[in-house]
Amino acid sequence: MLEYAIFWGCTIPARFPFMEKSIRLVLDELGVKLFDIEGATCCPTKSIIKIGDELTWYATAARNIALVEKMGMDLLIPCNGCYSVLKEATTELKINHELRNEINEILANEGLEYTGNLHIKHLIEALYDDIGIETIKNHIVLPVDGMNIAVHYGCHMIRPSSAIHFDDPNHPTKFDILVELLGAKSVDFPTKMLCCGNDLSNADDPADSVALSREKILEVQEIADAMTMVCPACFTQFDSKQYLMQKSGEKLHMPIVYFTELMGLAFGINPSELGMDMHRVETDSFIETFHERSKHLRIAKKYFDIASLRRCYECAACVDDCPVTKIIPRFEPNRIIGDVLNGKLDEVVKSPNIWYCTNCYTCYELCPQKFGMVKVFDCLKHISKERGTAPDTYKGGFKMFMDTGKLGEPTAMRKKLKLPEPPKSGAEELKKMMELITERKKSESKSESKSESKMESSDNADEDEQKTGE
């Protein structure tokens, strides 16, 4: 079991306790034990305290770390600002022995000593590097499939690079990988690494602090279902201040989801237990879309291995080799597979486009895993046939086979060519075999219906519980 001392900072416990709740719930699910730090204070924030008194800034940071060193465990931080402050302070104290000695003289009055032997981990860093992708994957019960998520790293998760080394400061990837591990798509956008503007609140006109957040919200609301982050200051910018912008008449709507809330949803934790109803910008629409797509994907899972389907969609290497796409541009096999992953199975099987796959096996032969899009389209056609939405030409051919056991009857041309009579057809025997198969399918269908009914009852119970919580 992993154990961490956790530094909550000031803002999470005071303003956003639902963040603390989601962190505790998710890490508990992952088997991580957290220990609160008795006597901890503000980190302290750089934009106010360091500017006011640099020695006080270093001494306060060192005191917080010394308290954790006394506990004898690594430090976990779920706030970008606190993480950057404590990492930056330890980097300076490591090389500035004169400053460290001065601070230890001050700390000695409390019986504390700063040694600098502590490992300081950001929450994303701990999830990715310590807990690990496989462990997280094993706890996912409701993948966030089909959801487009805009990841906001925030400046202080990865900067300054002289103090923080767990990801690239300009082109980070670990947060995106964790989001996509949950099943979502991490969408790219030009302002991704742009500052949220929180520190502009200290300027003459606090209204200026919304300028940067407004730009990013306007950009991502066109491409994303929600924005996620691991920083209470950034959350204030995108949730609380977005709410104020909405109230003043601005047409903004971008649900803001703290990352462990997103993890909690994927782990099957009820949104009300995570406290998602406590955000300023409503998250109901996001949660409703998440549950709706989860239901659609549950149906898709009856027919497809979703992991294999996603790999096929993300690979797309054979798309340009499909002979049909070269003459019929409206046939977009990769987009169709993406629609299935996005919970649009019902729409896909009604579309005539799935019948443009000619079963030529070009994609299969080019596929390194011998999966090939042809397997997907065979299955989609089968679902379409079962639901009665197949083209009339297909229905006619299938009916002829069921009635006669053949797809055509001999004509007078055989006599003209002086060919012998064809052998007797086994159509009657085939019909009897088909009757047995039909009976077996009916029996299997009854079992599946009972299972689906139980699952639906469970879903309804979850929804009722959510409504009760609200």
Protein backbone atom coordinates (compact mmCIF):
# COMPACT_ATOMS: atom_id res chain seq x y z
CA MET A 1 0.00 0.00 0.00
CA LEU A 2 1.30 3.43 -0.97
CA GLU A 3 1.30 6.04 1.79
CA TYR A 4 1.62 9.79 1.46
CA ALA A 5 1.44 12.84 3.67
CA ILE A 6 -0.98 15.10 1.82
CA PHE A 7 -0.62 18.86 1.61
CA TRP A 8 -4.10 20.27 0.93
CA GLY A 9 -3.06 23.94 0.86
CA CYS A 10 -5.53 26.71 1.71
CA THR A 11 -8.02 26.80 -1.16
CA ILE A 12 -9.13 23.17 -1.43
CA PRO A 13 -10.30 22.74 2.21
CA ALA A 14 -11.74 26.27 2.41
CA ARG A 15 -13.45 26.78 -0.96
CA PHE A 16 -13.55 23.46 -2.80
CA PRO A 17 -14.03 20.62 -0.29
CA PHE A 18 -15.56 18.51 -3.09
CA MET A 19 -12.04 18.30 -4.56
CA GLU A 20 -10.78 16.84 -1.30
CA LYS A 21 -13.70 14.39 -1.25
CA SER A 22 -13.02 13.13 -4.79
CA ILE A 23 -9.29 12.79 -4.07
CA ARG A 24 -9.96 10.78 -0.90
CA LEU A 25 -12.52 8.54 -2.62
CA VAL A 26 -10.39 7.82 -5.69
CA LEU A 27 -7.12 7.23 -3.84
CA ASP A 28 -8.92 5.00 -1.36
CA GLU A 29 -10.21 2.93 -4.31
CA LEU A 30 -6.61 2.66 -5.55
CA GLY A 31 -5.40 1.48 -2.16
CA VAL A 32 -3.48 4.66 -1.30
CA LYS A 33 -3.40 5.81 2.33
CA LEU A 34 -3.30 9.54 3.05
CA PHE A 35 -2.07 11.23 6.22
CA ASP A 36 -2.97 14.83 7.05
CA ILE A 37 -0.19 17.16 8.22
CA GLU A 38 -0.73 18.64 11.66
CA GLY A 39 0.43 22.24 11.91
CA ALA A 40 0.76 22.92 8.18
CA THR A 41 0.08 26.45 6.90
CA CYS A 42 -0.16 28.15 3.51
CA CYS A 43 2.62 26.82 1.24
CA PRO A 44 3.09 29.99 1.03
CA THR A 45 1.90 31.40 -2.28
CA LYS A 46 4.69 32.99 -4.29
CA SER A 47 2.69 35.84 -5.87
CA ILE A 48 1.91 37.38 -2.46
CA ILE A 49 4.35 36.19 0.24
CA LYS A 50 7.64 35.96 -1.68
CA ILE A 51 7.10 39.44 -3.08
CA GLY A 52 6.33 40.72 0.42
CA ASP A 53 9.19 39.02 2.31
CA GLU A 54 11.48 36.47 0.65
CA LEU A 55 12.96 35.04 3.86
CA THR A 56 9.47 34.48 5.30
CA TRP A 57 8.56 32.69 2.06
CA TYR A 58 11.49 30.29 2.26
CA ALA A 59 11.12 29.73 6.00
CA THR A 60 7.39 28.95 5.73
CA ALA A 61 7.95 26.51 2.85
CA ALA A 62 10.81 24.83 4.74
CA ARG A 63 8.70 24.59 7.91
CA ASN A 64 5.88 22.79 6.02
CA ILE A 65 8.38 20.36 4.52
CA ALA A 66 10.12 19.81 7.88
CA LEU A 67 6.76 18.79 9.38
CA VAL A 68 6.40 16.11 6.70
CA GLU A 69 10.03 14.98 7.06
CA LYS A 70 9.23 14.32 10.71
CA MET A 71 6.40 12.01 9.51
CA GLY A 72 8.86 10.00 7.43
CA MET A 73 6.91 9.72 4.17
CA ASP A 74 6.63 11.25 0.71
CA LEU A 75 4.55 14.39 0.21
CA LEU A 76 1.56 14.41 -2.18
CA ILE A 77 0.18 17.73 -3.45
CA PRO A 78 -3.10 18.17 -5.39
CA CYS A 79 -2.61 21.91 -6.00
CA ASN A 80 -0.37 23.26 -8.76
CA GLY A 81 0.54 26.40 -6.83
CA CYS A 82 1.55 24.60 -3.64
CA TYR A 83 3.49 22.04 -5.66
CA SER A 84 5.46 24.67 -7.58
CA VAL A 85 6.20 26.69 -4.43
CA LEU A 86 7.51 23.76 -2.41
CA LYS A 87 9.52 22.33 -5.32
CA GLU A 88 11.04 25.73 -6.12
CA ALA A 89 11.89 26.38 -2.47
CA THR A 90 13.58 22.99 -2.03
CA THR A 91 15.61 23.50 -5.21
CA GLU A 92 17.02 26.81 -3.90
CA LEU A 93 17.62 25.44 -0.40
CA LYS A 94 19.50 22.50 -1.87
CA ILE A 95 22.17 24.75 -3.40
CA ASN A 96 22.05 27.74 -1.03
CA HIS A 97 23.60 26.36 2.14
CA GLU A 98 23.80 29.77 3.81
CA LEU A 99 20.04 30.28 3.42
CA ARG A 100 19.31 26.74 4.60
CA ASN A 101 21.43 27.21 7.74
CA GLU A 102 19.68 30.50 8.51
CA ILE A 103 16.26 28.89 8.12
CA ASN A 104 17.22 25.89 10.28
CA GLU A 105 18.26 28.28 13.04
CA ILE A 106 14.74 29.74 12.87
CA LEU A 107 13.06 26.31 12.74
CA ALA A 108 15.09 25.06 15.71
CA ASN A 109 12.86 27.20 17.94
CA GLU A 110 10.03 24.74 17.11
CA GLY A 111 12.22 21.68 17.35
CA LEU A 112 12.16 21.30 13.56
CA GLU A 113 14.91 20.79 11.02
CA TYR A 114 14.78 21.01 7.24
CA THR A 115 16.97 18.33 5.58
CA GLY A 116 15.70 18.38 1.99
CA ASN A 117 15.49 14.58 1.82
CA LEU A 118 11.78 14.59 1.05
CA HIS A 119 10.19 13.42 -2.22
CA ILE A 120 7.50 15.90 -3.29
CA LYS A 121 4.93 14.51 -5.74
CA HIS A 122 2.18 16.25 -7.68
CA LEU A 123 -1.07 14.26 -7.76
CA ILE A 124 -0.69 13.65 -11.53
CA GLU A 125 2.92 12.62 -11.01
CA ALA A 126 1.95 10.11 -8.30
CA LEU A 127 -0.91 8.70 -10.39
CA TYR A 128 1.29 8.24 -13.45
CA ASP A 129 4.65 7.29 -11.97
CA ASP A 130 3.87 5.68 -8.60
CA ILE A 131 0.37 4.19 -8.76
CA GLY A 132 0.69 3.39 -12.45
CA ILE A 133 -1.48 3.02 -15.52
CA GLU A 134 -2.25 -0.69 -15.06
CA THR A 135 -3.52 -0.22 -11.50
CA ILE A 136 -5.78 2.64 -12.56
CA LYS A 137 -7.02 0.70 -15.59
CA ASN A 138 -8.05 -2.21 -13.36
CA HIS A 139 -10.42 0.07 -11.41
CA ILE A 140 -12.28 1.51 -14.43
CA VAL A 141 -15.86 0.21 -14.56
CA LEU A 142 -17.53 2.98 -16.59
CA PRO A 143 -15.04 4.25 -19.19
CA VAL A 144 -15.52 7.87 -20.23
CA ASP A 145 -15.81 6.69 -23.84
CA GLY A 146 -16.92 9.15 -26.47
CA MET A 147 -16.24 12.20 -24.30
CA ASN A 148 -13.94 14.96 -25.56
CA ILE A 149 -11.99 16.47 -22.69
CA ALA A 150 -9.86 19.63 -22.84
CA VAL A 151 -6.87 19.20 -20.52
CA HIS A 152 -5.59 22.34 -18.79
CA TYR A 153 -2.19 21.63 -17.24
CA GLY A 154 -1.78 25.01 -15.56
CA CYS A 155 1.56 26.77 -15.38
CA HIS A 156 2.78 25.49 -12.02
CA MET A 157 2.24 21.78 -12.54
CA ILE A 158 5.24 21.68 -14.88
CA ARG A 159 7.06 25.01 -14.35
CA PRO A 160 9.65 26.24 -13.47
CA SER A 161 11.47 23.37 -15.20
CA SER A 162 14.58 24.07 -13.09
CA ALA A 163 12.67 22.73 -10.09
CA ILE A 164 10.04 20.44 -11.65
CA HIS A 165 11.16 17.50 -13.71
CA PHE A 166 8.28 15.04 -14.08
CA ASP A 167 7.11 16.17 -17.55
CA ASP A 168 8.10 18.39 -20.48
CA PRO A 169 7.39 22.05 -19.51
CA ASN A 170 6.25 23.01 -23.01
CA HIS A 171 4.84 19.79 -24.45
CA PRO A 172 3.69 17.67 -21.49
CA THR A 173 1.84 14.39 -22.07
CA LYS A 174 1.31 12.54 -18.78
CA PHE A 175 -1.94 14.28 -17.82
CA ASP A 176 -3.33 13.66 -21.33
CA ILE A 177 -2.38 9.98 -21.12
CA LEU A 178 -4.24 9.60 -17.81
CA VAL A 179 -7.35 11.27 -19.28
CA GLU A 180 -7.28 8.95 -22.30
CA LEU A 181 -6.69 5.97 -20.02
CA LEU A 182 -10.18 6.63 -18.64
CA GLY A 183 -11.53 6.28 -22.20
CA ALA A 184 -11.96 9.96 -23.09
CA LYS A 185 -10.33 11.80 -25.96
CA SER A 186 -7.92 14.54 -24.89
CA VAL A 187 -8.55 17.22 -27.50
CA ASP A 188 -5.77 19.49 -28.65
CA PHE A 189 -6.28 23.26 -28.91
CA PRO A 190 -4.02 26.28 -29.55
CA THR A 191 -4.35 27.87 -26.08
CA LYS A 192 -3.75 24.60 -24.22
CA MET A 193 -0.58 25.79 -22.46
CA LEU A 194 -1.87 29.34 -21.93
CA CYS A 195 -1.97 30.64 -18.34
CA CYS A 196 -5.42 30.78 -16.72
CA GLY A 197 -4.77 34.39 -15.62
CA ASN A 198 -5.41 33.88 -11.91
CA ASP A 199 -2.55 36.11 -10.73
CA LEU A 200 -4.03 39.03 -12.64
CA SER A 201 -6.50 39.21 -9.74
CA ASN A 202 -3.74 41.11 -7.90
CA ALA A 203 -3.61 43.77 -10.62
CA ASP A 204 -5.39 47.16 -10.45
CA ASP A 205 -8.48 45.89 -12.24
CA PRO A 206 -9.37 42.30 -11.16
CA ALA A 207 -11.70 42.11 -14.17
CA ASP A 208 -8.58 41.74 -16.32
CA SER A 209 -8.01 38.30 -14.79
CA VAL A 210 -10.93 36.83 -16.74
CA ALA A 211 -9.46 37.76 -20.14
CA LEU A 212 -7.20 34.72 -20.45
CA SER A 213 -9.76 32.26 -19.08
CA ARG A 214 -12.46 33.65 -21.39
CA GLU A 215 -10.25 33.07 -24.44
CA LYS A 216 -9.66 29.44 -23.55
CA ILE A 217 -13.31 28.72 -22.67
CA LEU A 218 -14.51 30.20 -25.98
CA GLU A 219 -12.04 28.01 -27.82
CA VAL A 220 -12.70 24.68 -26.10
CA GLN A 221 -16.49 24.91 -25.84
CA GLU A 222 -16.60 24.29 -29.60
CA ILE A 223 -14.68 21.02 -29.37
CA ALA A 224 -14.96 19.61 -25.84
CA ASP A 225 -17.61 18.19 -23.49
CA ALA A 226 -15.70 19.43 -20.44
CA MET A 227 -12.40 20.88 -19.27
CA THR A 228 -10.32 19.15 -16.60
CA MET A 229 -7.50 20.35 -14.36
CA VAL A 230 -5.74 19.71 -11.03
CA CYS A 231 -5.43 23.21 -9.62
CA PRO A 232 -7.90 25.09 -7.40
CA ALA A 233 -6.67 28.47 -8.66
CA CYS A 234 -7.27 27.46 -12.28
CA PHE A 235 -10.62 25.96 -11.25
CA THR A 236 -11.60 29.35 -9.82
CA GLN A 237 -10.78 30.98 -13.14
CA PHE A 238 -12.71 28.53 -15.29
CA ASP A 239 -15.62 27.63 -13.02
CA SER A 240 -16.32 30.48 -10.58
CA LYS A 241 -15.41 33.31 -12.94
CA GLN A 242 -17.11 31.64 -15.89
CA TYR A 243 -20.26 31.61 -13.75
CA LEU A 244 -19.94 35.37 -13.21
CA MET A 245 -19.43 35.86 -16.94
CA GLN A 246 -22.56 33.79 -17.60
CA LYS A 247 -24.51 35.92 -15.12
CA SER A 248 -23.43 39.06 -16.97
CA GLY A 249 -24.90 37.67 -20.20
CA GLU A 250 -21.86 36.11 -21.88
CA LYS A 251 -22.72 33.00 -23.89
CA LEU A 252 -20.28 30.63 -22.25
CA HIS A 253 -20.85 27.07 -21.14
CA MET A 254 -17.97 24.76 -20.41
CA PRO A 255 -18.38 22.28 -17.52
CA ILE A 256 -15.23 22.23 -15.39
CA VAL A 257 -14.29 18.89 -13.85
CA TYR A 258 -11.48 18.34 -11.36
CA PHE A 259 -9.51 15.32 -12.56
CA THR A 260 -10.25 13.02 -9.64
CA GLU A 261 -13.96 13.70 -10.25
CA LEU A 262 -13.48 12.38 -13.78
CA MET A 263 -11.65 9.39 -12.35
CA GLY A 264 -14.44 8.89 -9.82
CA LEU A 265 -17.05 8.73 -12.59
CA ALA A 266 -14.95 6.13 -14.44
CA PHE A 267 -14.61 4.18 -11.19
CA GLY A 268 -18.41 4.08 -10.86
CA ILE A 269 -18.67 6.56 -7.97
CA ASN A 270 -21.94 8.50 -7.85
CA PRO A 271 -21.56 12.16 -8.97
CA SER A 272 -23.43 13.43 -5.90
CA GLU A 273 -21.00 11.57 -3.63
CA LEU A 274 -18.16 13.29 -5.48
CA GLY A 275 -19.85 16.65 -4.82
CA MET A 276 -20.12 17.59 -8.48
CA ASP A 277 -23.37 19.44 -7.80
CA MET A 278 -21.33 22.00 -5.82
CA HIS A 279 -19.68 23.55 -8.88
CA ARG A 280 -20.78 27.01 -9.97
CA VAL A 281 -21.09 26.06 -13.66
CA GLU A 282 -23.56 23.18 -13.84
CA THR A 283 -22.16 19.72 -14.60
CA ASP A 284 -25.54 17.96 -15.02
CA SER A 285 -25.39 18.10 -18.82
CA PHE A 286 -21.90 16.59 -18.82
CA ILE A 287 -22.91 13.82 -16.39
CA GLU A 288 -26.08 13.10 -18.37
CA THR A 289 -24.08 12.80 -21.61
CA PHE A 290 -21.56 10.57 -19.83
CA HIS A 291 -24.27 8.19 -18.58
CA GLU A 292 -26.08 8.20 -21.93
CA ARG A 293 -22.92 7.27 -23.81
CA SER A 294 -22.09 4.67 -21.19
CA LYS A 295 -25.45 3.01 -21.86
CA HIS A 296 -24.89 3.10 -25.63
CA LEU A 297 -21.42 1.65 -25.22
CA ARG A 298 -22.78 -1.07 -22.98
CA ILE A 299 -24.94 -2.11 -25.94
CA ALA A 300 -21.94 -1.86 -28.28
CA LYS A 301 -19.97 -4.12 -25.91
CA LYS A 302 -22.46 -6.91 -26.72
CA TYR A 303 -21.05 -6.94 -30.24
CA PHE A 304 -17.52 -5.54 -30.05
CA ASP A 305 -14.34 -5.73 -28.04
CA ILE A 306 -14.23 -1.98 -27.32
CA ALA A 307 -10.46 -1.96 -26.68
CA SER A 308 -9.79 -3.58 -30.08
CA LEU A 309 -12.28 -1.25 -31.73
CA ARG A 310 -10.54 1.78 -30.24
CA ARG A 311 -7.14 0.54 -31.39
CA CYS A 312 -8.54 0.09 -34.89
CA TYR A 313 -9.99 3.61 -34.85
CA GLU A 314 -6.80 5.21 -33.55
CA CYS A 315 -4.59 3.31 -36.00
CA ALA A 316 -6.51 4.13 -39.22
CA ALA A 317 -3.45 3.06 -41.23
CA CYS A 318 -5.49 1.13 -43.80
CA VAL A 319 -8.16 3.79 -44.44
CA ASP A 320 -6.49 5.25 -47.52
CA ASP A 321 -6.09 1.77 -48.98
CA CYS A 322 -9.83 1.01 -49.01
CA PRO A 323 -10.77 0.76 -52.73
CA VAL A 324 -14.34 1.96 -52.10
CA THR A 325 -13.26 5.24 -50.46
CA LYS A 326 -11.34 6.10 -53.63
CA ILE A 327 -14.52 6.14 -55.74
CA ILE A 328 -17.17 6.84 -53.07
CA PRO A 329 -15.74 9.59 -50.80
CA ARG A 330 -18.84 9.62 -48.59
CA PHE A 331 -17.85 6.17 -47.33
CA GLU A 332 -15.63 7.01 -44.34
CA PRO A 333 -14.96 3.74 -42.51
CA ASN A 334 -12.79 5.26 -39.79
CA ARG A 335 -15.40 7.92 -38.98
CA ILE A 336 -18.08 5.21 -38.76
CA ILE A 337 -15.98 3.25 -36.26
CA GLY A 338 -15.47 6.49 -34.31
CA ASP A 339 -19.25 7.01 -34.24
CA VAL A 340 -19.69 3.56 -32.67
CA LEU A 341 -17.14 4.49 -29.98
CA ASN A 342 -18.99 7.78 -29.45
CA GLY A 343 -22.20 5.96 -28.55
CA LYS A 344 -23.91 6.32 -31.95
CA LEU A 345 -24.41 2.63 -32.72
CA ASP A 346 -28.15 3.10 -33.39
CA GLU A 347 -27.49 5.79 -35.99
CA VAL A 348 -24.67 3.81 -37.61
CA VAL A 349 -26.64 0.62 -38.20
CA LYS A 350 -29.51 2.58 -39.78
CA SER A 351 -27.16 4.23 -42.24
CA PRO A 352 -26.76 2.74 -45.74
CA ASN A 353 -23.06 3.63 -45.57
CA ILE A 354 -22.08 0.46 -43.69
CA TRP A 355 -23.08 -1.57 -46.76
CA TYR A 356 -20.34 0.04 -48.86
CA CYS A 357 -17.80 -2.36 -47.34
CA THR A 358 -17.29 -4.96 -50.09
CA ASN A 359 -15.51 -7.60 -47.97
CA CYS A 360 -12.45 -7.36 -50.19
CA TYR A 361 -10.19 -7.97 -47.14
CA THR A 362 -7.66 -5.32 -48.23
CA CYS A 363 -7.73 -3.76 -44.73
CA TYR A 364 -7.44 -7.19 -43.10
CA GLU A 365 -4.32 -8.12 -45.06
CA LEU A 366 -2.71 -4.76 -44.27
CA CYS A 367 -3.57 -4.90 -40.56
CA PRO A 368 -0.57 -5.96 -38.40
CA GLN A 369 -3.00 -7.53 -35.90
CA LYS A 370 -5.17 -9.16 -38.59
CA PHE A 371 -8.16 -7.30 -37.18
CA GLY A 372 -9.10 -5.13 -40.14
CA MET A 373 -12.14 -2.88 -40.51
CA VAL A 374 -13.94 -5.65 -42.41
CA LYS A 375 -14.68 -7.43 -39.10
CA VAL A 376 -16.34 -4.31 -37.76
CA PHE A 377 -18.50 -3.85 -40.84
CA ASP A 378 -19.54 -7.52 -40.92
CA CYS A 379 -20.81 -7.07 -37.37
CA LEU A 380 -22.56 -3.76 -38.15
CA LYS A 381 -24.32 -5.35 -41.13
CA HIS A 382 -25.45 -8.23 -38.92
CA ILE A 383 -26.93 -5.79 -36.37
CA SER A 384 -28.66 -3.92 -39.21
CA LYS A 385 -30.13 -7.17 -40.52
CA GLU A 386 -31.35 -8.17 -37.02
CA ARG A 387 -33.01 -4.77 -36.56
CA GLY A 388 -34.67 -4.85 -39.98
CA THR A 389 -32.79 -1.88 -41.44
CA ALA A 390 -30.79 -3.79 -44.09
CA PRO A 391 -31.26 -2.82 -47.79
CA ASP A 392 -34.02 -4.59 -49.73
CA THR A 393 -31.50 -6.26 -52.05
CA TYR A 394 -29.81 -7.90 -49.04
CA LYS A 395 -33.17 -8.91 -47.53
CA GLY A 396 -34.20 -10.50 -50.84
CA GLY A 397 -31.01 -12.55 -51.05
CA PHE A 398 -31.25 -13.70 -47.43
CA LYS A 399 -34.92 -14.69 -47.87
CA MET A 400 -34.10 -16.73 -50.99
CA PHE A 401 -31.42 -18.61 -49.10
CA MET A 402 -33.73 -19.35 -46.16
CA ASP A 403 -36.50 -20.54 -48.52
CA THR A 404 -34.48 -22.57 -50.99
CA GLY A 405 -31.03 -23.05 -49.53
CA LYS A 406 -29.66 -21.35 -52.64
CA LEU A 407 -29.15 -17.90 -54.09
CA GLY A 408 -30.37 -18.88 -57.56
CA GLU A 409 -32.24 -21.63 -59.47
CA PRO A 410 -30.96 -23.41 -62.61
CA THR A 411 -32.22 -22.04 -65.95
CA ALA A 412 -32.73 -23.45 -69.45
CA MET A 413 -29.17 -22.42 -70.27
CA ARG A 414 -27.96 -25.68 -68.70
CA LYS A 415 -29.94 -27.76 -71.21
CA LYS A 416 -28.63 -25.69 -74.06
CA LEU A 417 -25.11 -26.51 -72.91
CA LYS A 418 -26.14 -30.19 -72.47
CA LEU A 419 -25.20 -30.23 -68.81
CA PRO A 420 -26.67 -32.90 -66.50
CA GLU A 421 -29.43 -32.14 -64.02
CA PRO A 422 -28.06 -30.57 -60.83
CA PRO A 423 -28.00 -32.79 -57.72
CA LYS A 424 -31.03 -32.76 -55.46
CA SER A 425 -31.14 -29.71 -53.16
CA GLY A 426 -30.88 -30.16 -49.41
CA ALA A 427 -33.27 -27.24 -48.84
CA GLU A 428 -35.66 -29.22 -46.59
CA GLU A 429 -32.87 -30.52 -44.38
CA LEU A 430 -31.45 -27.00 -44.24
CA LYS A 431 -34.81 -25.63 -43.08
CA LYS A 432 -34.93 -28.13 -40.22
CA MET A 433 -31.42 -27.13 -39.21
CA MET A 434 -32.44 -23.48 -39.33
CA GLU A 435 -35.42 -24.20 -37.06
CA LEU A 436 -33.07 -25.70 -34.46
CA ILE A 437 -30.79 -22.66 -34.71
CA THR A 438 -33.80 -20.34 -34.31
CA GLU A 439 -34.88 -22.16 -31.14
CA ARG A 440 -31.39 -21.89 -29.70
CA LYS A 441 -31.32 -18.16 -30.45
CA LYS A 442 -34.68 -17.64 -28.75
CA SER A 443 -33.40 -19.36 -25.62
CA GLU A 444 -30.22 -17.26 -25.60
CA SER A 445 -32.25 -14.10 -26.22
CA LYS A 446 -34.41 -14.77 -23.14
CA SER A 447 -31.31 -15.14 -20.96
CA GLU A 448 -29.83 -11.90 -22.35
CA SER A 449 -33.12 -10.05 -21.78
CA LYS A 450 -33.14 -11.08 -18.11
CA SER A 451 -29.54 -9.93 -17.72
CA GLU A 452 -30.24 -6.59 -19.43
CA SER A 453 -33.33 -6.09 -17.27
CA LYS A 454 -31.24 -6.49 -14.13
CA MET A 455 -28.63 -4.08 -15.48
CA GLU A 456 -31.30 -1.52 -16.39
CA SER A 457 -32.80 -1.79 -12.90
CA SER A 458 -29.35 -1.12 -11.48
CA ASP A 459 -28.95 1.94 -13.75
CA ASN A 460 -32.34 3.30 -12.70
CA ALA A 461 -31.46 2.79 -9.04
CA ASP A 462 -28.23 4.77 -9.55
CA GLU A 463 -30.16 7.58 -11.25
CA ASP A 464 -32.74 7.67 -8.43
CA GLU A 465 -29.93 7.76 -5.87
CA GLN A 466 -28.33 10.64 -7.78
CA LYS A 467 -31.59 12.59 -7.85
CA THR A 468 -32.11 11.94 -4.13
CA GLY A 469 -28.59 13.21 -3.44
CA GLU A 470 -29.29 16.35 -5.44
